[in-house]
Amino acid sequence: MKQFFGMSRSGDLREATRGLSNPQLILLMSNSQQFETHVHELEKLYPHVPSIGCIGMSYDTNIVENGVGVAAFSDGVNAAANVLEHVSTVPVKYIRRMEEDLTRVNASQKDTVCIDFCAGNDACVLTTIHGALRRRGISLVGGTGDGGKISANGRIYEDSVAYALVKNLHGRVKAYKENIYHPMGNYRFIASNTDKAKYMIGSLNGQPAKQVYQSILKVTEQEILTQTFKNPFGKLNGNETCIISIKEVNGNSLACFRQVNDSDVLLLLEL
């Protein structure tokens, strides 16, 4: 199995895909202004190749915030890409699609992983997907894109999750994780005044969330969105810490990339 990665700061998809031939699965990370254009253009460049996409940044040793990035797999890969729709209400309604794809690629624990791009409602999505994957011991890796949109096989969806099953025909494949953050000091917060639909944190320990974050880290409001790369929040989930980055400032509240509920316990993390 071979992997390809290319990106373009200017959002030129042909530049990002230069040198990519005979892909068997493609992952697209685009900016919000060009996302739909890139999805349709990618399908024209590589018709009938399984693909999933989302709005998000791309990076290797450099970061491209408003361009386009393409990752691809080839040479001995059996892949399937599909979508589960209406994830905010009935994600399990479409789980048969994933079950059929798992059978079609003959997925197994030793040689198959699942990659997902979600448009939101992560908790519902992960619970649903895990129900299908755990019976075969398939690892899952992925994330949530911006703008409430994802793509699968050249089509754009809202309120959905796109997934790709990747089976290595000539060896093993496994998803690994590396936690690059650890708790900062003894800061621990109880979230309140949250808006689950908008991923909003209104208060931390009864104080405005924005002011709490600023006062601890000594940053201006304009610096919050870059500071979150160094100091995101962490949500305790059993023995795991789920990283919650800040998406934008909304008045005295903080909108995040992952859902936070009232009474959730949050930590402050640092690189």
Protein backbone atom coordinates (compact mmCIF):
# COMPACT_ATOMS: atom_id res chain seq x y z
CA MET A 1 0.00 0.00 0.00
CA LYS A 2 1.31 3.42 -0.97
CA GLN A 3 0.25 6.81 0.36
CA PHE A 4 0.23 10.18 -1.39
CA PHE A 5 -0.11 13.67 0.03
CA GLY A 6 -0.20 16.97 -1.82
CA MET A 7 -1.46 20.46 -1.08
CA SER A 8 -1.81 23.92 -2.59
CA ARG A 9 -1.81 27.17 -0.64
CA SER A 10 -3.70 28.90 -3.43
CA GLY A 11 -6.47 26.29 -3.54
CA ASP A 12 -5.38 24.88 -6.91
CA LEU A 13 -6.61 21.28 -6.88
CA ARG A 14 -4.54 20.30 -9.90
CA GLU A 15 -1.42 21.48 -8.09
CA ALA A 16 -2.38 19.47 -5.00
CA THR A 17 -2.93 16.31 -7.06
CA ARG A 18 0.18 16.67 -9.25
CA GLY A 19 1.84 13.25 -9.45
CA LEU A 20 -1.20 11.34 -8.22
CA SER A 21 -2.00 8.43 -10.53
CA ASN A 22 -4.25 5.41 -10.17
CA PRO A 23 -5.54 6.22 -6.67
CA GLN A 24 -7.84 3.71 -5.02
CA LEU A 25 -9.08 6.08 -2.31
CA ILE A 26 -8.88 9.89 -1.98
CA LEU A 27 -9.30 12.17 1.04
CA LEU A 28 -10.00 15.86 0.37
CA MET A 29 -9.44 18.75 2.82
CA SER A 30 -10.60 22.07 1.36
CA ASN A 31 -11.47 25.62 2.38
CA SER A 32 -15.04 26.80 2.86
CA GLN A 33 -15.14 29.01 -0.25
CA GLN A 34 -13.93 26.33 -2.68
CA PHE A 35 -15.14 23.14 -1.03
CA GLU A 36 -18.04 22.42 -3.36
CA THR A 37 -15.97 23.33 -6.44
CA HIS A 38 -13.14 21.06 -5.31
CA VAL A 39 -15.49 18.15 -4.64
CA HIS A 40 -16.92 18.29 -8.17
CA GLU A 41 -13.51 18.91 -9.75
CA LEU A 42 -11.98 15.95 -7.92
CA GLU A 43 -14.72 13.68 -9.21
CA LYS A 44 -13.97 14.81 -12.78
CA LEU A 45 -10.23 14.26 -12.35
CA TYR A 46 -10.65 10.80 -10.79
CA PRO A 47 -14.13 9.51 -11.75
CA HIS A 48 -15.52 6.58 -9.78
CA VAL A 49 -12.61 6.56 -7.32
CA PRO A 50 -13.97 6.32 -3.74
CA SER A 51 -13.49 9.64 -1.95
CA ILE A 52 -14.48 11.56 1.16
CA GLY A 53 -13.91 15.23 1.93
CA CYS A 54 -14.40 17.96 4.49
CA ILE A 55 -13.69 21.63 5.13
CA GLY A 56 -10.46 21.91 7.07
CA MET A 57 -6.78 22.74 7.14
CA SER A 58 -3.97 20.65 5.67
CA TYR A 59 -0.49 20.25 7.04
CA ASP A 60 2.72 18.28 6.84
CA THR A 61 5.70 20.39 7.95
CA ASN A 62 3.68 23.45 6.91
CA ILE A 63 0.07 24.48 7.52
CA VAL A 64 -2.33 25.46 4.76
CA GLU A 65 -5.38 27.11 6.28
CA ASN A 66 -7.25 28.31 3.18
CA GLY A 67 -5.94 26.13 0.39
CA VAL A 68 -6.55 22.49 -0.42
CA GLY A 69 -4.94 19.21 0.55
CA VAL A 70 -5.29 15.71 -0.89
CA ALA A 71 -4.31 12.39 0.67
CA ALA A 72 -4.63 9.19 -1.31
CA PHE A 73 -3.99 5.45 -1.08
CA SER A 74 -2.99 3.17 -3.93
CA ASP A 75 -1.17 -0.02 -4.93
CA GLY A 76 -2.94 -2.89 -3.23
CA VAL A 77 -5.90 -1.24 -1.53
CA ASN A 78 -9.50 -2.33 -1.41
CA ALA A 79 -11.56 0.70 -0.36
CA ALA A 80 -15.14 1.81 0.06
CA ALA A 81 -16.50 5.29 0.74
CA ASN A 82 -20.01 6.09 1.86
CA VAL A 83 -22.10 8.34 4.09
CA LEU A 84 -24.46 8.09 7.07
CA GLU A 85 -27.08 10.82 6.87
CA HIS A 86 -29.23 12.72 9.41
CA VAL A 87 -26.68 12.16 12.17
CA SER A 88 -28.34 14.69 14.49
CA THR A 89 -31.54 12.66 14.61
CA VAL A 90 -31.35 9.10 13.23
CA PRO A 91 -27.74 8.11 12.33
CA VAL A 92 -28.43 4.43 13.00
CA LYS A 93 -31.01 4.45 10.18
CA TYR A 94 -28.20 4.19 7.63
CA ILE A 95 -25.77 1.89 9.48
CA ARG A 96 -26.66 -0.94 7.08
CA ARG A 97 -24.57 0.88 4.48
CA MET A 98 -21.45 0.52 6.61
CA GLU A 99 -22.23 -3.11 7.43
CA GLU A 100 -22.55 -3.90 3.72
CA ASP A 101 -19.31 -2.06 2.93
CA LEU A 102 -17.48 -3.98 5.66
CA THR A 103 -18.60 -7.21 4.05
CA ARG A 104 -17.80 -6.00 0.54
CA VAL A 105 -14.16 -5.16 1.34
CA ASN A 106 -13.89 -8.26 3.56
CA ALA A 107 -12.74 -6.07 6.46
CA SER A 108 -10.71 -7.59 9.28
CA GLN A 109 -8.90 -6.27 12.33
CA LYS A 110 -5.41 -6.93 11.00
CA ASP A 111 -5.67 -5.18 7.63
CA THR A 112 -8.55 -2.67 7.69
CA VAL A 113 -9.15 0.76 9.23
CA CYS A 114 -12.02 3.23 9.00
CA ILE A 115 -11.48 6.96 8.40
CA ASP A 116 -14.36 9.36 9.04
CA PHE A 117 -15.08 13.03 8.30
CA CYS A 118 -18.00 14.32 10.33
CA ALA A 119 -20.14 17.42 9.85
CA GLY A 120 -21.12 17.55 13.54
CA ASN A 121 -22.94 15.65 16.30
CA ASP A 122 -19.82 13.67 16.98
CA ALA A 123 -21.12 11.79 20.01
CA CYS A 124 -24.06 10.30 18.08
CA VAL A 125 -21.84 9.49 15.12
CA LEU A 126 -19.09 7.74 17.07
CA THR A 127 -21.53 5.66 19.08
CA THR A 128 -23.27 4.53 15.89
CA ILE A 129 -20.09 3.78 13.94
CA HIS A 130 -18.51 1.97 16.86
CA GLY A 131 -21.47 -0.37 17.00
CA ALA A 132 -20.68 -1.59 13.50
CA LEU A 133 -16.89 -1.59 13.70
CA ARG A 134 -16.37 -3.27 17.07
CA ARG A 135 -17.76 -6.61 15.89
CA ARG A 136 -14.78 -6.90 13.54
CA GLY A 137 -12.28 -5.02 15.73
CA ILE A 138 -11.79 -2.28 13.13
CA SER A 139 -9.86 0.83 14.25
CA LEU A 140 -11.34 4.27 13.62
CA VAL A 141 -9.57 7.57 12.99
CA GLY A 142 -10.99 10.86 11.79
CA GLY A 143 -12.29 14.24 12.77
CA THR A 144 -14.92 16.92 12.42
CA GLY A 145 -14.81 19.35 9.52
CA ASP A 146 -16.04 22.93 9.43
CA GLY A 147 -19.12 24.44 7.81
CA GLY A 148 -21.49 21.58 8.53
CA LYS A 149 -20.69 19.87 5.21
CA ILE A 150 -18.85 16.75 4.09
CA SER A 151 -18.55 14.94 0.78
CA ALA A 152 -18.60 11.34 -0.35
CA ASN A 153 -17.96 10.09 -3.88
CA GLY A 154 -18.42 13.49 -5.49
CA ARG A 155 -21.61 14.46 -3.64
CA ILE A 156 -22.00 17.01 -0.85
CA TYR A 157 -24.01 16.30 2.30
CA GLU A 158 -25.06 18.20 5.42
CA ASP A 159 -25.82 16.72 8.85
CA SER A 160 -23.88 13.60 7.85
CA VAL A 161 -20.67 11.67 8.35
CA ALA A 162 -18.55 10.40 5.46
CA TYR A 163 -16.46 7.30 6.05
CA ALA A 164 -13.86 5.35 4.13
CA LEU A 165 -12.87 1.74 4.75
CA VAL A 166 -9.25 1.04 3.80
CA LYS A 167 -8.12 -2.57 3.45
CA ASN A 168 -4.44 -3.27 2.81
CA LEU A 169 -4.23 -6.23 0.45
CA HIS A 170 -0.50 -6.80 0.96
CA GLY A 171 0.03 -6.39 4.68
CA ARG A 172 -1.26 -4.98 7.91
CA VAL A 173 -2.71 -1.55 8.71
CA LYS A 174 -3.49 0.03 12.07
CA ALA A 175 -4.54 3.40 13.46
CA TYR A 176 -2.27 4.87 16.13
CA LYS A 177 -2.67 7.98 18.22
CA GLU A 178 -0.20 10.28 19.90
CA ASN A 179 -1.40 12.70 22.57
CA ILE A 180 0.72 15.84 22.18
CA TYR A 181 -1.01 17.64 25.07
CA HIS A 182 -0.97 17.25 28.85
CA PRO A 183 -2.91 19.04 31.61
CA MET A 184 -1.79 22.57 32.37
CA GLY A 185 -1.52 23.15 36.11
CA ASN A 186 -4.49 22.13 38.20
CA TYR A 187 -7.12 23.97 36.18
CA ARG A 188 -10.43 22.15 36.16
CA PHE A 189 -13.73 23.63 35.02
CA ILE A 190 -17.42 22.78 35.11
CA ALA A 191 -19.08 23.89 31.88
CA SER A 192 -22.46 25.61 31.96
CA ASN A 193 -24.68 27.78 29.76
CA THR A 194 -23.73 25.54 26.84
CA ASP A 195 -25.45 25.33 23.47
CA LYS A 196 -25.07 21.77 22.22
CA ALA A 197 -26.31 22.57 18.73
CA LYS A 198 -23.73 25.33 18.27
CA TYR A 199 -20.96 23.67 20.30
CA MET A 200 -20.91 26.73 22.55
CA ILE A 201 -19.44 27.09 26.05
CA GLY A 202 -21.04 30.02 27.86
CA SER A 203 -19.50 29.72 31.33
CA LEU A 204 -16.67 27.94 33.12
CA ASN A 205 -17.05 27.62 36.88
CA GLY A 206 -19.81 30.20 36.68
CA GLN A 207 -17.66 32.83 34.93
CA PRO A 208 -17.82 33.91 31.24
CA ALA A 209 -15.81 31.34 29.27
CA LYS A 210 -13.94 33.88 27.16
CA GLN A 211 -12.78 35.85 30.19
CA VAL A 212 -11.64 32.71 32.01
CA TYR A 213 -9.53 31.60 29.03
CA GLN A 214 -8.05 35.07 28.54
CA SER A 215 -7.22 35.68 32.19
CA ILE A 216 -5.34 32.40 32.60
CA LEU A 217 -3.32 32.62 29.38
CA LYS A 218 -2.93 36.42 29.24
CA VAL A 219 -4.07 36.69 25.63
CA THR A 220 -6.23 39.16 23.75
CA GLU A 221 -9.52 38.16 22.16
CA GLN A 222 -7.84 38.18 18.74
CA GLU A 223 -5.15 35.77 19.97
CA ILE A 224 -7.58 33.14 21.28
CA LEU A 225 -7.99 31.34 17.94
CA THR A 226 -4.26 30.79 17.53
CA GLN A 227 -3.62 30.14 21.23
CA THR A 228 -6.00 27.18 21.09
CA PHE A 229 -3.38 25.22 19.10
CA LYS A 230 -1.14 25.42 22.16
CA ASN A 231 -3.86 25.40 24.82
CA PRO A 232 -7.08 23.61 23.90
CA PHE A 233 -9.53 22.30 26.45
CA GLY A 234 -9.67 18.64 27.35
CA LYS A 235 -12.87 16.76 28.16
CA LEU A 236 -12.58 13.78 30.48
CA ASN A 237 -14.05 10.61 28.99
CA GLY A 238 -13.22 7.65 31.23
CA ASN A 239 -9.44 7.22 31.06
CA GLU A 240 -9.23 9.27 27.88
CA THR A 241 -8.99 13.03 27.38
CA CYS A 242 -10.87 14.34 24.36
CA ILE A 243 -9.26 17.44 22.84
CA ILE A 244 -11.66 20.36 22.35
CA SER A 245 -10.27 23.24 20.29
CA ILE A 246 -11.82 26.68 20.08
CA LYS A 247 -13.40 27.58 16.75
CA GLU A 248 -14.48 31.18 17.36
CA VAL A 249 -15.38 33.77 19.97
CA ASN A 250 -19.06 34.65 20.26
CA GLY A 251 -19.59 37.50 22.71
CA ASN A 252 -18.41 36.14 26.06
CA SER A 253 -18.84 32.54 24.89
CA LEU A 254 -16.47 30.19 23.09
CA ALA A 255 -17.64 28.10 20.12
CA CYS A 256 -15.70 24.84 19.82
CA PHE A 257 -15.11 22.08 17.29
CA ARG A 258 -16.62 19.46 19.59
CA GLN A 259 -19.80 19.36 21.62
CA VAL A 260 -19.71 20.35 25.28
CA ASN A 261 -22.63 19.78 27.63
CA ASP A 262 -23.67 21.40 30.91
CA SER A 263 -21.76 19.85 33.85
CA ASP A 264 -19.01 18.42 31.63
CA VAL A 265 -15.63 18.51 33.38
CA LEU A 266 -12.98 20.28 31.31
CA LEU A 267 -9.23 20.64 31.76
CA LEU A 268 -6.89 23.20 30.25
CA LEU A 269 -4.21 21.51 28.18
CA GLU A 270 -0.80 22.59 26.88
CA LEU A 271 1.65 21.28 24.32
